[in-house]
C-alpha atoms as a PDB file:
ATOM      1  CA  UNK A   1       8.602  40.048 -12.551  1.00  0.00           C
ATOM      2  CA  UNK A   2      10.301  37.825 -15.124  1.00  0.00           C
ATOM      3  CA  UNK A   3      12.515  36.257 -12.447  1.00  0.00           C
ATOM      4  CA  UNK A   4       9.451  35.346 -10.342  1.00  0.00           C
ATOM      5  CA  UNK A   5       7.730  33.823 -13.358  1.00  0.00           C
ATOM      6  CA  UNK A   6      10.800  31.767 -14.363  1.00  0.00           C
ATOM      7  CA  UNK A   7      11.300  30.612 -10.766  1.00  0.00           C
ATOM      8  CA  UNK A   8       7.674  29.508 -10.567  1.00  0.00           C
ATOM      9  CA  UNK A   9       7.969  27.569 -13.833  1.00  0.00           C
ATOM     10  CA  UNK A  10      11.258  26.019 -12.688  1.00  0.00           C
ATOM     11  CA  UNK A  11       9.716  24.921  -9.346  1.00  0.00           C
ATOM     12  CA  UNK A  12       6.701  23.507 -11.159  1.00  0.00           C
ATOM     13  CA  UNK A  13       8.934  21.322 -13.323  1.00  0.00           C
ATOM     14  CA  UNK A  14      10.986  20.147 -10.327  1.00  0.00           C
ATOM     15  CA  UNK A  15       7.847  19.245  -8.340  1.00  0.00           C
ATOM     16  CA  UNK A  16       6.286  17.657 -11.414  1.00  0.00           C
ATOM     17  CA  UNK A  17       9.397  15.589 -12.103  1.00  0.00           C
ATOM     18  CA  UNK A  18       9.525  14.301  -8.509  1.00  0.00           C
ATOM     19  CA  UNK A  19       5.824  13.455  -8.660  1.00  0.00           C
ATOM     20  CA  UNK A  20       6.323  11.470 -11.870  1.00  0.00           C
ATOM     21  CA  UNK A  21       9.351   9.647 -10.404  1.00  0.00           C
ATOM     22  CA  UNK A  22       7.316   8.620  -7.360  1.00  0.00           C
ATOM     23  CA  UNK A  23       4.379   7.447  -9.508  1.00  0.00           C
ATOM     24  CA  UNK A  24       6.742   5.409 -11.704  1.00  0.00           C
ATOM     25  CA  UNK A  25       8.445   4.031  -8.608  1.00  0.00           C
ATOM     26  CA  UNK A  26       5.080   2.925  -7.226  1.00  0.00           C
ATOM     27  CA  UNK A  27       4.227   1.233 -10.525  1.00  0.00           C
ATOM     28  CA  UNK A  28       7.596  -0.559 -10.574  1.00  0.00           C
ATOM     29  CA  UNK A  29       7.097  -1.710  -6.983  1.00  0.00           C
ATOM     30  CA  UNK A  30       3.686  -3.130  -7.889  1.00  0.00           C
ATOM     31  CA  UNK A  31       5.146  -4.968 -10.883  1.00  0.00           C
ATOM     32  CA  UNK A  32       7.984  -6.335  -8.774  1.00  0.00           C
ATOM     33  CA  UNK A  33       5.460  -7.399  -6.155  1.00  0.00           C
ATOM     34  CA  UNK A  34       3.424  -9.300  -8.740  1.00  0.00           C
ATOM     35  CA  UNK A  35       6.565 -11.122  -9.919  1.00  0.00           C
ATOM     36  CA  UNK A  36       7.689 -12.201  -6.454  1.00  0.00           C
ATOM     37  CA  UNK A  37       7.280 -15.959  -6.016  1.00  0.00           C
ATOM     38  CA  UNK A  38       8.952 -16.528  -2.655  1.00  0.00           C
ATOM     39  CA  UNK A  39       6.617 -14.562  -0.387  1.00  0.00           C
ATOM     40  CA  UNK A  40       3.283 -12.787  -0.259  1.00  0.00           C
ATOM     41  CA  UNK A  41       3.925  -9.105  -0.889  1.00  0.00           C
ATOM     42  CA  UNK A  42       2.005  -6.312   0.838  1.00  0.00           C
ATOM     43  CA  UNK A  43       2.615  -2.684  -0.116  1.00  0.00           C
ATOM     44  CA  UNK A  44       2.207  -0.260   2.787  1.00  0.00           C
ATOM     45  CA  UNK A  45       0.252   2.744   1.579  1.00  0.00           C
ATOM     46  CA  UNK A  46       0.135   5.930   3.627  1.00  0.00           C
ATOM     47  CA  UNK A  47      -2.676   7.257   1.408  1.00  0.00           C
ATOM     48  CA  UNK A  48      -4.998   4.246   1.464  1.00  0.00           C
ATOM     49  CA  UNK A  49      -8.140   4.624   3.568  1.00  0.00           C
ATOM     50  CA  UNK A  50      -8.609   0.851   3.885  1.00  0.00           C
ATOM     51  CA  UNK A  51      -6.702  -2.370   3.418  1.00  0.00           C
ATOM     52  CA  UNK A  52      -7.223  -3.642  -0.152  1.00  0.00           C
ATOM     53  CA  UNK A  53      -6.444  -6.950  -1.836  1.00  0.00           C
ATOM     54  CA  UNK A  54      -6.870  -8.489  -5.251  1.00  0.00           C
ATOM     55  CA  UNK A  55      -9.522 -11.128  -5.861  1.00  0.00           C
ATOM     56  CA  UNK A  56      -6.850 -13.748  -6.653  1.00  0.00           C
ATOM     57  CA  UNK A  57      -5.285 -13.130  -3.210  1.00  0.00           C
ATOM     58  CA  UNK A  58      -8.436 -14.385  -1.518  1.00  0.00           C
ATOM     59  CA  UNK A  59      -9.282 -17.232  -3.888  1.00  0.00           C
ATOM     60  CA  UNK A  60      -9.654 -19.686  -0.989  1.00  0.00           C
ATOM     61  CA  UNK A  61     -11.336 -17.228   1.385  1.00  0.00           C
ATOM     62  CA  UNK A  62     -15.015 -16.503   1.880  1.00  0.00           C
ATOM     63  CA  UNK A  63     -15.927 -13.057   0.569  1.00  0.00           C
ATOM     64  CA  UNK A  64     -18.817 -11.218   2.162  1.00  0.00           C
ATOM     65  CA  UNK A  65     -20.412  -9.777  -0.979  1.00  0.00           C
ATOM     66  CA  UNK A  66     -23.094  -7.952   0.986  1.00  0.00           C
ATOM     67  CA  UNK A  67     -20.473  -5.469   2.160  1.00  0.00           C
ATOM     68  CA  UNK A  68     -19.388  -4.352  -1.311  1.00  0.00           C
ATOM     69  CA  UNK A  69     -18.926  -0.641  -1.880  1.00  0.00           C
ATOM     70  CA  UNK A  70     -17.505   1.933  -4.257  1.00  0.00           C
ATOM     71  CA  UNK A  71     -13.775   2.608  -4.015  1.00  0.00           C
ATOM     72  CA  UNK A  72     -12.267   5.885  -5.222  1.00  0.00           C
ATOM     73  CA  UNK A  73      -8.982   5.426  -7.081  1.00  0.00           C
ATOM     74  CA  UNK A  74      -6.720   7.764  -9.021  1.00  0.00           C
ATOM     75  CA  UNK A  75      -8.368   6.492 -12.217  1.00  0.00           C
ATOM     76  CA  UNK A  76     -11.961   6.834 -11.045  1.00  0.00           C
ATOM     77  CA  UNK A  77     -14.414   4.755  -9.059  1.00  0.00           C
ATOM     78  CA  UNK A  78     -14.486   0.956  -9.020  1.00  0.00           C
ATOM     79  CA  UNK A  79     -16.897  -1.325  -7.211  1.00  0.00           C
ATOM     80  CA  UNK A  80     -15.517  -3.871  -4.825  1.00  0.00           C
ATOM     81  CA  UNK A  81     -16.430  -7.527  -4.903  1.00  0.00           C
ATOM     82  CA  UNK A  82     -16.879  -7.500  -1.145  1.00  0.00           C
ATOM     83  CA  UNK A  83     -14.879  -7.819   2.056  1.00  0.00           C
ATOM     84  CA  UNK A  84     -12.694 -10.737   3.162  1.00  0.00           C
ATOM     85  CA  UNK A  85     -10.893 -11.423   6.427  1.00  0.00           C
ATOM     86  CA  UNK A  86      -7.253 -12.120   5.521  1.00  0.00           C
ATOM     87  CA  UNK A  87      -4.501 -13.369   7.830  1.00  0.00           C
ATOM     88  CA  UNK A  88      -1.021 -11.933   7.615  1.00  0.00           C
ATOM     89  CA  UNK A  89       1.267 -14.354   9.404  1.00  0.00           C
ATOM     90  CA  UNK A  90       4.159 -11.926   9.818  1.00  0.00           C
ATOM     91  CA  UNK A  91       1.858  -9.565  11.749  1.00  0.00           C
ATOM     92  CA  UNK A  92       0.142 -12.414  13.563  1.00  0.00           C
ATOM     93  CA  UNK A  93      -3.424 -11.277  12.952  1.00  0.00           C
ATOM     94  CA  UNK A  94      -6.281 -11.024  10.482  1.00  0.00           C
ATOM     95  CA  UNK A  95      -7.571  -7.894   8.778  1.00  0.00           C
ATOM     96  CA  UNK A  96     -10.778  -7.073   6.932  1.00  0.00           C
ATOM     97  CA  UNK A  97      -9.829  -6.251   3.336  1.00  0.00           C
ATOM     98  CA  UNK A  98     -11.801  -4.632   0.551  1.00  0.00           C
ATOM     99  CA  UNK A  99     -11.591  -7.051  -2.383  1.00  0.00           C
ATOM    100  CA  UNK A 100     -11.200  -5.685  -5.911  1.00  0.00           C
ATOM    101  CA  UNK A 101     -10.930  -7.535  -9.218  1.00  0.00           C
ATOM    102  CA  UNK A 102      -7.455  -6.226 -10.036  1.00  0.00           C
ATOM    103  CA  UNK A 103      -5.239  -4.231  -7.698  1.00  0.00           C
ATOM    104  CA  UNK A 104      -2.029  -4.504  -5.720  1.00  0.00           C
ATOM    105  CA  UNK A 105      -2.354  -5.857  -2.186  1.00  0.00           C
ATOM    106  CA  UNK A 106      -2.226  -2.786   0.059  1.00  0.00           C
ATOM    107  CA  UNK A 107      -2.054  -2.341   3.805  1.00  0.00           C
ATOM    108  CA  UNK A 108      -3.353   1.030   4.962  1.00  0.00           C
ATOM    109  CA  UNK A 109      -0.804   2.591   7.312  1.00  0.00           C
ATOM    110  CA  UNK A 110      -3.575   4.757   8.786  1.00  0.00           C
ATOM    111  CA  UNK A 111      -5.703   1.702   9.644  1.00  0.00           C
ATOM    112  CA  UNK A 112      -2.689  -0.048  11.209  1.00  0.00           C
ATOM    113  CA  UNK A 113      -1.920   3.031  13.335  1.00  0.00           C
ATOM    114  CA  UNK A 114      -5.579   3.166  14.424  1.00  0.00           C
ATOM    115  CA  UNK A 115      -5.216  -0.280  16.023  1.00  0.00           C
ATOM    116  CA  UNK A 116      -1.920   0.384  17.790  1.00  0.00           C
ATOM    117  CA  UNK A 117       0.815  -0.105  15.196  1.00  0.00           C
ATOM    118  CA  UNK A 118       3.542   2.510  14.795  1.00  0.00           C
ATOM    119  CA  UNK A 119       5.080   3.413  11.438  1.00  0.00           C
ATOM    120  CA  UNK A 120       8.513   5.036  11.237  1.00  0.00           C
ATOM    121  CA  UNK A 121      10.356   6.053   8.076  1.00  0.00           C
ATOM    122  CA  UNK A 122      13.531   8.132   7.942  1.00  0.00           C
ATOM    123  CA  UNK A 123      17.041   8.046   6.487  1.00  0.00           C
ATOM    124  CA  UNK A 124      17.926   4.985   8.606  1.00  0.00           C
ATOM    125  CA  UNK A 125      15.137   2.825   7.187  1.00  0.00           C
ATOM    126  CA  UNK A 126      11.450   2.018   7.307  1.00  0.00           C
ATOM    127  CA  UNK A 127       9.953   0.172  10.279  1.00  0.00           C
ATOM    128  CA  UNK A 128       6.579  -1.092  11.419  1.00  0.00           C
ATOM    129  CA  UNK A 129       6.148  -1.658  15.145  1.00  0.00           C
ATOM    130  CA  UNK A 130       3.453  -4.071  16.262  1.00  0.00           C
ATOM    131  CA  UNK A 131       1.274  -3.074  19.261  1.00  0.00           C
ATOM    132  CA  UNK A 132       3.585  -5.195  21.472  1.00  0.00           C
ATOM    133  CA  UNK A 133       6.549  -3.057  20.190  1.00  0.00           C
ATOM    134  CA  UNK A 134       8.020  -5.897  18.122  1.00  0.00           C
ATOM    135  CA  UNK A 135       9.837  -4.220  15.227  1.00  0.00           C
ATOM    136  CA  UNK A 136       9.501  -5.324  11.601  1.00  0.00           C
ATOM    137  CA  UNK A 137      11.992  -3.798   9.186  1.00  0.00           C
ATOM    138  CA  UNK A 138      10.374  -3.035   5.838  1.00  0.00           C
ATOM    139  CA  UNK A 139      12.086  -3.003   2.487  1.00  0.00           C
ATOM    140  CA  UNK A 140      11.602   0.206   0.509  1.00  0.00           C
ATOM    141  CA  UNK A 141      11.177  -0.461  -3.199  1.00  0.00           C
ATOM    142  CA  UNK A 142      11.250   2.746  -5.281  1.00  0.00           C
ATOM    143  CA  UNK A 143       9.635   4.914  -2.565  1.00  0.00           C
ATOM    144  CA  UNK A 144       7.136   2.215  -1.534  1.00  0.00           C
ATOM    145  CA  UNK A 145       7.450   0.316   1.786  1.00  0.00           C
ATOM    146  CA  UNK A 146       6.995  -3.432   1.264  1.00  0.00           C
ATOM    147  CA  UNK A 147       6.146  -6.171   3.783  1.00  0.00           C
ATOM    148  CA  UNK A 148       7.091  -9.699   2.718  1.00  0.00           C
ATOM    149  CA  UNK A 149       5.001 -12.348   4.466  1.00  0.00           C
ATOM    150  CA  UNK A 150       7.395 -15.275   4.033  1.00  0.00           C
ATOM    151  CA  UNK A 151       5.096 -17.774   5.675  1.00  0.00           C
ATOM    152  CA  UNK A 152       2.305 -17.109   3.161  1.00  0.00           C
END
C-alpha cells in the first residue's frame, strides 16, 4: 500500500512538472512573439476554439463590434471587442478573428483543419499543409508551433 501511494505521488509530481514546463514554454513563446520585429507572429493553438488576435494587430482593420462575445480563458471570462477579418499572406487567405484587448495572436488548429488544412507534428518537425497540399514548415518555440508571416 505504501508503494502504491509513493508511486502515485511521484507520478503526480512528474506530470505536474511537465505541465508547468509547458505553461512556461507557452509564456516564453508569447513573449518572444511580442518581441519579434521582422515578421508577424501567429501561434498555432491546438486548444483554441477560434482564431484570436490582439486589438493592436487590427488597428487598421474594421472591427464588427456587433459580433462581440464572451471568451473563456484559463484566467476566467473576458469580453471581446468584436470580430475582424484578417489576412495572413503566408496562407494566402483571410480569417475571421475574435478581437481581444490584450492577447497573443492565435490561429486555431481545429478551425484550420475544418476548412481543409492538415496539421502534422512529430519528431521530424511541425508542418501545416494548405488545402492545395502546399507545405509550410513551422518553427516550434518551447512546445508552441509558430507561423511567421514575413510579408506582414
